[in-house]
């Protein structure tokens, strides 16, 4: 049983390394499975068991964490959204707001110590 647990951990770690290797790519389960050498169904089951969250949510969290890192370095939020594999600026903004409670622009303004612009 211990070997099985270790093998599952290694599989989940390989998936995490793959996802982190290209944050702009929107990997499908089939692509991940092909790259790792495992079925998509098995991957999703193992990943959720080992990491405690679905694979797609983990990938989204990786991309959002990268967004936090790049917000202060990139002025063009549409370019940032595209770089991180979001389908549009509005999709990126909606997902970011759900995760962090404010839009990327509001987050950037508050992190720079600026009051948000009132329009």
N, C-alpha and C. Protein backbone atom coordinates (compact mmCIF):
# COMPACT_ATOMS: atom_id res chain seq x y z
N UNK A 1 0.83 -1.19 0.00
CA UNK A 1 0.00 0.00 0.00
C UNK A 1 0.87 1.25 0.00
N UNK A 2 1.98 1.22 0.75
CA UNK A 2 2.86 2.38 0.82
C UNK A 2 3.45 2.70 -0.55
N UNK A 3 3.82 1.69 -1.30
CA UNK A 3 4.34 1.89 -2.65
C UNK A 3 3.30 2.52 -3.57
N UNK A 4 2.07 2.10 -3.40
CA UNK A 4 0.98 2.65 -4.17
C UNK A 4 0.81 4.14 -3.88
N UNK A 5 0.89 4.51 -2.61
CA UNK A 5 0.77 5.91 -2.22
C UNK A 5 1.94 6.71 -2.79
N UNK A 6 3.14 6.16 -2.72
CA UNK A 6 4.31 6.84 -3.27
C UNK A 6 4.18 7.02 -4.78
N UNK A 7 3.69 6.01 -5.47
CA UNK A 7 3.51 6.09 -6.92
C UNK A 7 2.48 7.16 -7.28
N UNK A 8 1.42 7.25 -6.50
CA UNK A 8 0.40 8.26 -6.76
C UNK A 8 0.95 9.66 -6.53
N UNK A 9 1.75 9.83 -5.49
CA UNK A 9 2.38 11.11 -5.20
C UNK A 9 3.31 11.51 -6.35
N UNK A 10 4.09 10.54 -6.83
CA UNK A 10 4.99 10.82 -7.96
C UNK A 10 4.22 11.21 -9.21
N UNK A 11 3.11 10.53 -9.45
CA UNK A 11 2.28 10.86 -10.61
C UNK A 11 1.73 12.29 -10.48
N UNK A 12 1.22 12.63 -9.32
CA UNK A 12 0.69 13.99 -9.10
C UNK A 12 1.80 15.02 -9.26
N UNK A 13 2.99 14.71 -8.76
CA UNK A 13 4.12 15.64 -8.88
C UNK A 13 4.52 15.83 -10.35
N UNK A 14 4.47 14.77 -11.12
CA UNK A 14 4.80 14.87 -12.54
C UNK A 14 3.79 15.76 -13.25
N UNK A 15 2.52 15.62 -12.89
CA UNK A 15 1.48 16.47 -13.48
C UNK A 15 1.73 17.93 -13.11
N UNK A 16 2.07 18.19 -11.85
CA UNK A 16 2.32 19.56 -11.40
C UNK A 16 3.51 20.17 -12.13
N UNK A 17 4.56 19.40 -12.35
CA UNK A 17 5.72 19.89 -13.09
C UNK A 17 5.35 20.21 -14.54
N UNK A 18 4.56 19.36 -15.14
CA UNK A 18 4.12 19.58 -16.51
C UNK A 18 3.31 20.88 -16.61
N UNK A 19 2.36 21.04 -15.73
CA UNK A 19 1.52 22.24 -15.76
C UNK A 19 2.35 23.51 -15.53
N UNK A 20 3.29 23.44 -14.62
CA UNK A 20 4.13 24.60 -14.31
C UNK A 20 5.10 24.93 -15.45
N UNK A 21 5.36 23.97 -16.31
CA UNK A 21 6.34 24.19 -17.39
C UNK A 21 5.83 25.16 -18.44
N UNK A 22 4.51 25.32 -18.56
CA UNK A 22 3.95 26.24 -19.56
C UNK A 22 2.60 26.74 -19.06
N UNK A 23 2.65 27.85 -18.30
CA UNK A 23 1.42 28.36 -17.68
C UNK A 23 0.46 28.98 -18.69
N UNK A 24 0.94 29.32 -19.87
CA UNK A 24 0.05 29.91 -20.86
C UNK A 24 -0.76 28.86 -21.61
N UNK A 25 -0.33 27.62 -21.51
CA UNK A 25 -1.03 26.55 -22.23
C UNK A 25 -2.22 26.06 -21.43
N UNK A 26 -3.33 25.93 -22.13
CA UNK A 26 -4.52 25.37 -21.50
C UNK A 26 -4.55 23.88 -21.82
N UNK A 27 -3.90 23.13 -20.96
CA UNK A 27 -3.79 21.68 -21.16
C UNK A 27 -5.16 21.02 -21.06
N UNK A 28 -5.45 20.11 -21.97
CA UNK A 28 -6.62 19.27 -21.82
C UNK A 28 -6.21 18.03 -21.02
N UNK A 29 -7.19 17.37 -20.45
CA UNK A 29 -6.89 16.14 -19.71
C UNK A 29 -6.25 15.10 -20.62
N UNK A 30 -6.73 15.04 -21.85
CA UNK A 30 -6.16 14.07 -22.81
C UNK A 30 -4.68 14.38 -23.07
N UNK A 31 -4.34 15.66 -23.22
CA UNK A 31 -2.95 16.04 -23.46
C UNK A 31 -2.07 15.72 -22.25
N UNK A 32 -2.58 16.00 -21.07
CA UNK A 32 -1.82 15.70 -19.85
C UNK A 32 -1.61 14.19 -19.75
N UNK A 33 -2.69 13.44 -19.97
CA UNK A 33 -2.60 11.98 -19.91
C UNK A 33 -1.60 11.43 -20.90
N UNK A 34 -1.62 11.97 -22.12
CA UNK A 34 -0.70 11.50 -23.15
C UNK A 34 0.75 11.82 -22.75
N UNK A 35 0.96 13.02 -22.25
CA UNK A 35 2.31 13.45 -21.87
C UNK A 35 2.84 12.63 -20.68
N UNK A 36 1.98 12.35 -19.72
CA UNK A 36 2.37 11.64 -18.50
C UNK A 36 2.35 10.12 -18.71
N UNK A 37 1.53 9.67 -19.65
CA UNK A 37 1.43 8.24 -19.90
C UNK A 37 0.40 7.57 -19.01
N UNK A 38 -0.72 8.25 -18.82
CA UNK A 38 -1.77 7.72 -17.96
C UNK A 38 -3.13 8.16 -18.52
N UNK A 39 -4.18 7.44 -18.13
CA UNK A 39 -5.50 7.82 -18.63
C UNK A 39 -5.98 9.09 -17.92
N UNK A 40 -6.73 9.93 -18.63
CA UNK A 40 -7.26 11.16 -18.02
C UNK A 40 -8.11 10.90 -16.77
N UNK A 41 -8.91 9.85 -16.81
CA UNK A 41 -9.77 9.54 -15.66
C UNK A 41 -8.92 9.18 -14.44
N UNK A 42 -7.92 8.34 -14.65
CA UNK A 42 -7.03 7.94 -13.55
C UNK A 42 -6.28 9.16 -13.01
N UNK A 43 -5.79 10.00 -13.92
CA UNK A 43 -5.07 11.21 -13.49
C UNK A 43 -5.94 12.09 -12.60
N UNK A 44 -7.17 12.33 -13.01
CA UNK A 44 -8.04 13.21 -12.22
C UNK A 44 -8.32 12.60 -10.85
N UNK A 45 -8.53 11.29 -10.81
CA UNK A 45 -8.80 10.63 -9.53
C UNK A 45 -7.58 10.71 -8.60
N UNK A 46 -6.42 10.37 -9.12
CA UNK A 46 -5.20 10.37 -8.32
C UNK A 46 -4.87 11.79 -7.87
N UNK A 47 -4.96 12.74 -8.78
CA UNK A 47 -4.60 14.11 -8.44
C UNK A 47 -5.49 14.63 -7.30
N UNK A 48 -6.78 14.38 -7.40
CA UNK A 48 -7.69 14.84 -6.34
C UNK A 48 -7.38 14.14 -5.02
N UNK A 49 -7.07 12.85 -5.04
CA UNK A 49 -6.73 12.12 -3.82
C UNK A 49 -5.46 12.69 -3.18
N UNK A 50 -4.45 12.92 -3.99
CA UNK A 50 -3.15 13.34 -3.48
C UNK A 50 -3.14 14.81 -3.09
N UNK A 51 -3.71 15.67 -3.94
CA UNK A 51 -3.63 17.12 -3.73
C UNK A 51 -4.85 17.71 -3.03
N UNK A 52 -5.94 16.95 -2.99
CA UNK A 52 -7.14 17.44 -2.30
C UNK A 52 -7.93 18.46 -3.09
N UNK A 53 -7.65 18.58 -4.38
CA UNK A 53 -8.41 19.49 -5.24
C UNK A 53 -8.38 18.95 -6.66
N UNK A 54 -9.38 19.32 -7.45
CA UNK A 54 -9.39 18.88 -8.84
C UNK A 54 -8.21 19.47 -9.62
N UNK A 55 -7.79 18.73 -10.62
CA UNK A 55 -6.66 19.14 -11.45
C UNK A 55 -6.89 20.49 -12.11
N UNK A 56 -8.09 20.72 -12.64
CA UNK A 56 -8.36 21.99 -13.32
C UNK A 56 -8.25 23.17 -12.35
N UNK A 57 -8.65 22.97 -11.10
CA UNK A 57 -8.56 24.05 -10.11
C UNK A 57 -7.10 24.33 -9.76
N UNK A 58 -6.31 23.29 -9.68
CA UNK A 58 -4.88 23.47 -9.42
C UNK A 58 -4.25 24.28 -10.55
N UNK A 59 -4.57 23.93 -11.79
CA UNK A 59 -4.01 24.66 -12.92
C UNK A 59 -4.44 26.12 -12.89
N UNK A 60 -5.69 26.37 -12.56
CA UNK A 60 -6.19 27.75 -12.47
C UNK A 60 -5.45 28.51 -11.37
N UNK A 61 -5.23 27.87 -10.23
CA UNK A 61 -4.51 28.53 -9.14
C UNK A 61 -3.07 28.86 -9.54
N UNK A 62 -2.44 27.99 -10.29
CA UNK A 62 -1.09 28.27 -10.80
C UNK A 62 -1.09 29.52 -11.67
N UNK A 63 -2.05 29.60 -12.58
CA UNK A 63 -2.11 30.73 -13.49
C UNK A 63 -2.42 32.02 -12.74
N UNK A 64 -3.29 31.95 -11.74
CA UNK A 64 -3.62 33.15 -10.96
C UNK A 64 -2.45 33.59 -10.10
N UNK A 65 -1.71 32.65 -9.56
CA UNK A 65 -0.52 33.00 -8.77
C UNK A 65 0.51 33.69 -9.67
N UNK A 66 0.66 33.20 -10.88
CA UNK A 66 1.57 33.84 -11.83
C UNK A 66 1.07 35.24 -12.18
N UNK A 67 -0.24 35.40 -12.28
CA UNK A 67 -0.81 36.73 -12.55
C UNK A 67 -0.43 37.71 -11.45
N UNK A 68 -0.48 37.27 -10.20
CA UNK A 68 -0.09 38.15 -9.09
C UNK A 68 1.35 38.59 -9.25
N UNK A 69 2.20 37.67 -9.67
CA UNK A 69 3.61 37.98 -9.86
C UNK A 69 3.83 38.98 -10.99
N UNK A 70 3.05 38.86 -12.05
CA UNK A 70 3.25 39.69 -13.24
C UNK A 70 2.48 41.00 -13.23
N UNK A 71 1.50 41.14 -12.35
CA UNK A 71 0.67 42.35 -12.35
C UNK A 71 1.48 43.63 -12.23
N UNK A 72 2.49 43.62 -11.42
CA UNK A 72 3.31 44.82 -11.26
C UNK A 72 4.29 45.05 -12.39
N UNK A 73 4.47 44.05 -13.24
CA UNK A 73 5.46 44.15 -14.31
C UNK A 73 4.84 44.39 -15.69
N UNK A 74 3.55 44.10 -15.83
CA UNK A 74 2.89 44.25 -17.13
C UNK A 74 1.76 45.26 -17.00
N UNK A 75 1.75 46.24 -17.89
CA UNK A 75 0.69 47.24 -17.86
C UNK A 75 -0.54 46.80 -18.63
N UNK A 76 -0.35 46.01 -19.65
CA UNK A 76 -1.46 45.59 -20.51
C UNK A 76 -2.11 44.33 -19.95
N UNK A 77 -3.27 44.50 -19.34
CA UNK A 77 -3.95 43.36 -18.72
C UNK A 77 -4.48 42.37 -19.75
N UNK A 78 -4.81 42.84 -20.94
CA UNK A 78 -5.24 41.92 -22.00
C UNK A 78 -4.08 41.01 -22.42
N UNK A 79 -2.89 41.59 -22.52
CA UNK A 79 -1.71 40.79 -22.86
C UNK A 79 -1.40 39.80 -21.74
N UNK A 80 -1.55 40.23 -20.50
CA UNK A 80 -1.32 39.34 -19.36
C UNK A 80 -2.31 38.18 -19.40
N UNK A 81 -3.58 38.49 -19.65
CA UNK A 81 -4.61 37.45 -19.74
C UNK A 81 -4.26 36.43 -20.82
N UNK A 82 -3.84 36.93 -21.98
CA UNK A 82 -3.47 36.04 -23.09
C UNK A 82 -2.24 35.21 -22.74
N UNK A 83 -1.26 35.84 -22.11
CA UNK A 83 -0.04 35.12 -21.73
C UNK A 83 -0.32 33.98 -20.77
N UNK A 84 -1.33 34.15 -19.93
CA UNK A 84 -1.66 33.13 -18.94
C UNK A 84 -2.73 32.15 -19.43
N UNK A 85 -3.12 32.27 -20.70
CA UNK A 85 -4.01 31.29 -21.29
C UNK A 85 -5.49 31.52 -21.05
N UNK A 86 -5.87 32.72 -20.62
CA UNK A 86 -7.29 33.02 -20.45
C UNK A 86 -7.87 33.40 -21.81
N UNK A 87 -9.13 33.10 -22.02
CA UNK A 87 -9.74 33.31 -23.33
C UNK A 87 -9.93 34.78 -23.67
N UNK A 88 -10.02 35.63 -22.65
CA UNK A 88 -10.20 37.07 -22.88
C UNK A 88 -9.84 37.84 -21.62
N UNK A 89 -9.75 39.15 -21.78
CA UNK A 89 -9.49 40.03 -20.64
C UNK A 89 -10.62 39.91 -19.62
N UNK A 90 -11.87 39.86 -20.11
CA UNK A 90 -13.01 39.80 -19.18
C UNK A 90 -13.05 38.45 -18.44
N UNK A 91 -12.69 37.37 -19.12
CA UNK A 91 -12.64 36.07 -18.44
C UNK A 91 -11.59 36.10 -17.32
N UNK A 92 -10.42 36.63 -17.65
CA UNK A 92 -9.36 36.77 -16.66
C UNK A 92 -9.82 37.61 -15.47
N UNK A 93 -10.44 38.75 -15.76
CA UNK A 93 -10.91 39.64 -14.70
C UNK A 93 -11.94 38.95 -13.81
N UNK A 94 -12.87 38.23 -14.41
CA UNK A 94 -13.91 37.54 -13.63
C UNK A 94 -13.32 36.46 -12.73
N UNK A 95 -12.42 35.67 -13.27
CA UNK A 95 -11.80 34.59 -12.49
C UNK A 95 -10.93 35.18 -11.38
N UNK A 96 -10.18 36.22 -11.70
CA UNK A 96 -9.32 36.88 -10.72
C UNK A 96 -10.17 37.46 -9.58
N UNK A 97 -11.28 38.12 -9.94
CA UNK A 97 -12.16 38.72 -8.93
C UNK A 97 -12.76 37.64 -8.02
N UNK A 98 -13.13 36.51 -8.60
CA UNK A 98 -13.67 35.41 -7.80
C UNK A 98 -12.63 34.91 -6.80
N UNK A 99 -11.38 34.84 -7.24
CA UNK A 99 -10.31 34.30 -6.39
C UNK A 99 -9.85 35.30 -5.33
N UNK A 100 -9.74 36.58 -5.69
CA UNK A 100 -9.09 37.55 -4.81
C UNK A 100 -9.99 38.69 -4.33
N UNK A 101 -11.24 38.71 -4.78
CA UNK A 101 -12.19 39.70 -4.27
C UNK A 101 -12.11 41.07 -4.92
N UNK A 102 -11.26 41.23 -5.91
CA UNK A 102 -11.18 42.48 -6.66
C UNK A 102 -10.59 42.21 -8.03
N UNK A 103 -10.75 43.15 -8.92
CA UNK A 103 -10.25 42.98 -10.28
C UNK A 103 -8.72 43.09 -10.29
N UNK A 104 -8.09 42.63 -11.36
CA UNK A 104 -6.63 42.77 -11.44
C UNK A 104 -6.19 44.24 -11.36
N UNK A 105 -6.92 45.13 -12.01
CA UNK A 105 -6.56 46.56 -11.97
C UNK A 105 -6.69 47.11 -10.54
N UNK A 106 -7.75 46.76 -9.86
CA UNK A 106 -7.93 47.21 -8.46
C UNK A 106 -6.84 46.64 -7.57
N UNK A 107 -6.51 45.38 -7.80
CA UNK A 107 -5.46 44.73 -7.01
C UNK A 107 -4.13 45.43 -7.23
N UNK A 108 -3.82 45.71 -8.49
CA UNK A 108 -2.56 46.38 -8.81
C UNK A 108 -2.51 47.77 -8.17
N UNK A 109 -3.60 48.51 -8.26
CA UNK A 109 -3.63 49.85 -7.67
C UNK A 109 -3.43 49.81 -6.17
N UNK A 110 -4.08 48.86 -5.50
CA UNK A 110 -3.94 48.79 -4.05
C UNK A 110 -2.53 48.32 -3.66
N UNK A 111 -1.93 47.47 -4.48
CA UNK A 111 -0.58 46.99 -4.15
C UNK A 111 0.47 48.08 -4.39
N UNK A 112 0.15 49.03 -5.23
CA UNK A 112 1.05 50.16 -5.47
C UNK A 112 0.79 51.30 -4.50
N UNK A 113 -0.19 51.10 -3.61
CA UNK A 113 -0.50 52.13 -2.63
C UNK A 113 -1.32 53.27 -3.18
N UNK A 114 -1.96 53.03 -4.31
CA UNK A 114 -2.77 54.07 -4.93
C UNK A 114 -4.24 53.84 -4.64
N UNK A 115 -4.99 54.91 -4.51
CA UNK A 115 -6.44 54.79 -4.36
C UNK A 115 -7.00 54.42 -5.71
N UNK A 116 -8.02 53.56 -5.76
CA UNK A 116 -8.62 53.20 -7.04
C UNK A 116 -9.24 54.41 -7.72
N UNK A 117 -9.15 54.44 -9.03
CA UNK A 117 -9.75 55.52 -9.79
C UNK A 117 -11.26 55.37 -9.80
N UNK A 118 -11.95 56.48 -9.65
CA UNK A 118 -13.41 56.46 -9.68
C UNK A 118 -13.83 56.94 -11.05
N UNK A 119 -14.65 56.12 -11.71
CA UNK A 119 -15.09 56.49 -13.07
C UNK A 119 -16.55 56.77 -13.09
